[in-house]
Amino acid sequence: MASKLYVGGLSYSTTSETLRQHFAQCGTVESAAVITDRMSGDSRGFGFVEMSTEAEAQAAIQRLNEQSFEGRKLIVNVAKAPGNAGPRRTPRW
């Protein structure tokens, strides 16, 4: 079963393809996506990588967390479920 990882600290020039290639050194990458701003299309500096197995995901965390990639230090950990991301802010209109 695939395991999804959160990847923070990305360079704003990192693409989904370069993210995929970087994580491929730890195993089979099912998907890789750099999250972008809806309005500008610019990178938000984080993304998600889905590894094909739990063992590969753990290997990626061990090998790549706090390591430099494209001039920035990555933060790699298991992604939280969408409903568990934390409290939502209420806009002040």
Protein backbone atom coordinates (compact mmCIF):
# COMPACT_ATOMS: atom_id res chain seq x y z
CA MET A 1 0.00 0.00 0.00
CA ALA A 2 1.29 3.46 -0.91
CA SER A 3 2.37 5.94 1.76
CA LYS A 4 1.97 9.67 1.32
CA LEU A 5 4.68 12.04 2.56
CA TYR A 6 4.59 15.77 3.24
CA VAL A 7 7.65 17.60 1.91
CA GLY A 8 8.27 21.13 3.20
CA GLY A 9 11.04 23.62 2.66
CA LEU A 10 11.03 23.28 -1.12
CA SER A 11 12.74 25.84 -3.30
CA TYR A 12 10.21 27.92 -5.20
CA SER A 13 11.82 26.69 -8.43
CA THR A 14 11.27 22.99 -7.61
CA THR A 15 8.90 21.24 -10.02
CA SER A 16 6.85 18.10 -9.48
CA GLU A 17 9.20 16.25 -11.84
CA THR A 18 12.40 17.26 -10.00
CA LEU A 19 10.72 16.31 -6.71
CA ARG A 20 9.84 12.90 -8.17
CA GLN A 21 13.40 12.36 -9.38
CA HIS A 22 14.88 13.29 -6.01
CA PHE A 23 12.65 10.86 -4.09
CA ALA A 24 13.20 8.06 -6.64
CA GLN A 25 16.57 7.36 -4.98
CA CYS A 26 14.58 5.88 -2.07
CA GLY A 27 12.23 3.68 -4.10
CA THR A 28 9.26 3.77 -6.44
CA VAL A 29 7.46 7.10 -6.50
CA GLU A 30 3.74 6.70 -7.26
CA SER A 31 3.14 10.45 -7.47
CA ALA A 32 4.81 13.76 -6.67
CA ALA A 33 3.16 17.17 -6.60
CA VAL A 34 4.41 20.64 -5.72
CA ILE A 35 1.51 22.69 -4.35
CA THR A 36 0.95 26.01 -6.09
CA ASP A 37 -0.99 29.17 -5.32
CA ARG A 38 -4.37 29.14 -7.05
CA MET A 39 -4.20 32.75 -8.16
CA SER A 40 -0.56 33.21 -9.20
CA GLY A 41 0.44 29.63 -9.99
CA ASP A 42 3.64 30.09 -7.97
CA SER A 43 4.95 27.32 -5.72
CA ARG A 44 3.90 27.51 -2.08
CA GLY A 45 7.15 25.84 -0.98
CA PHE A 46 5.73 22.43 -0.09
CA GLY A 47 4.40 19.33 -1.75
CA PHE A 48 3.45 15.68 -1.41
CA VAL A 49 5.16 12.49 -2.55
CA GLU A 50 3.51 9.10 -2.57
CA MET A 51 5.91 6.17 -2.24
CA SER A 52 4.78 2.69 -3.30
CA THR A 53 5.41 1.03 0.10
CA GLU A 54 5.60 2.00 3.76
CA ALA A 55 9.22 0.80 3.87
CA GLU A 56 10.18 3.09 1.00
CA ALA A 57 8.39 6.00 2.67
CA GLN A 58 10.31 5.39 5.91
CA ALA A 59 13.56 5.15 3.94
CA ALA A 60 12.79 8.51 2.30
CA ILE A 61 12.12 10.11 5.70
CA GLN A 62 15.35 8.72 7.13
CA ARG A 63 17.45 9.63 4.11
CA LEU A 64 16.01 12.97 2.99
CA ASN A 65 14.59 14.72 6.08
CA GLU A 66 16.70 17.79 6.97
CA GLN A 67 18.92 17.27 3.92
CA SER A 68 19.69 19.98 1.38
CA PHE A 69 17.86 19.95 -1.95
CA GLU A 70 18.14 22.79 -4.47
CA GLY A 71 19.68 25.02 -1.81
CA ARG A 72 17.03 24.48 0.91
CA LYS A 73 16.71 22.06 3.83
CA LEU A 74 13.80 19.65 3.35
CA ILE A 75 11.27 18.63 5.97
CA VAL A 76 9.95 15.16 5.20
CA ASN A 77 7.35 13.35 7.28
CA VAL A 78 4.20 11.26 6.96
CA ALA A 79 1.35 13.37 5.58
CA LYS A 80 -1.65 13.92 7.82
CA ALA A 81 -5.14 13.04 6.61
CA PRO A 82 -6.92 16.06 5.05
CA GLY A 83 -9.41 16.36 7.92
CA ASN A 84 -6.63 16.30 10.53
CA ALA A 85 -4.60 19.25 9.28
CA GLY A 86 -5.50 21.40 12.29
CA PRO A 87 -7.97 24.12 13.14
CA ARG A 88 -9.35 26.22 10.32
CA ARG A 89 -9.06 29.95 10.55
CA THR A 90 -12.21 31.98 10.21
CA PRO A 91 -11.79 34.90 7.82
CA ARG A 92 -12.25 38.36 9.33
CA TRP A 93 -14.53 40.07 6.85
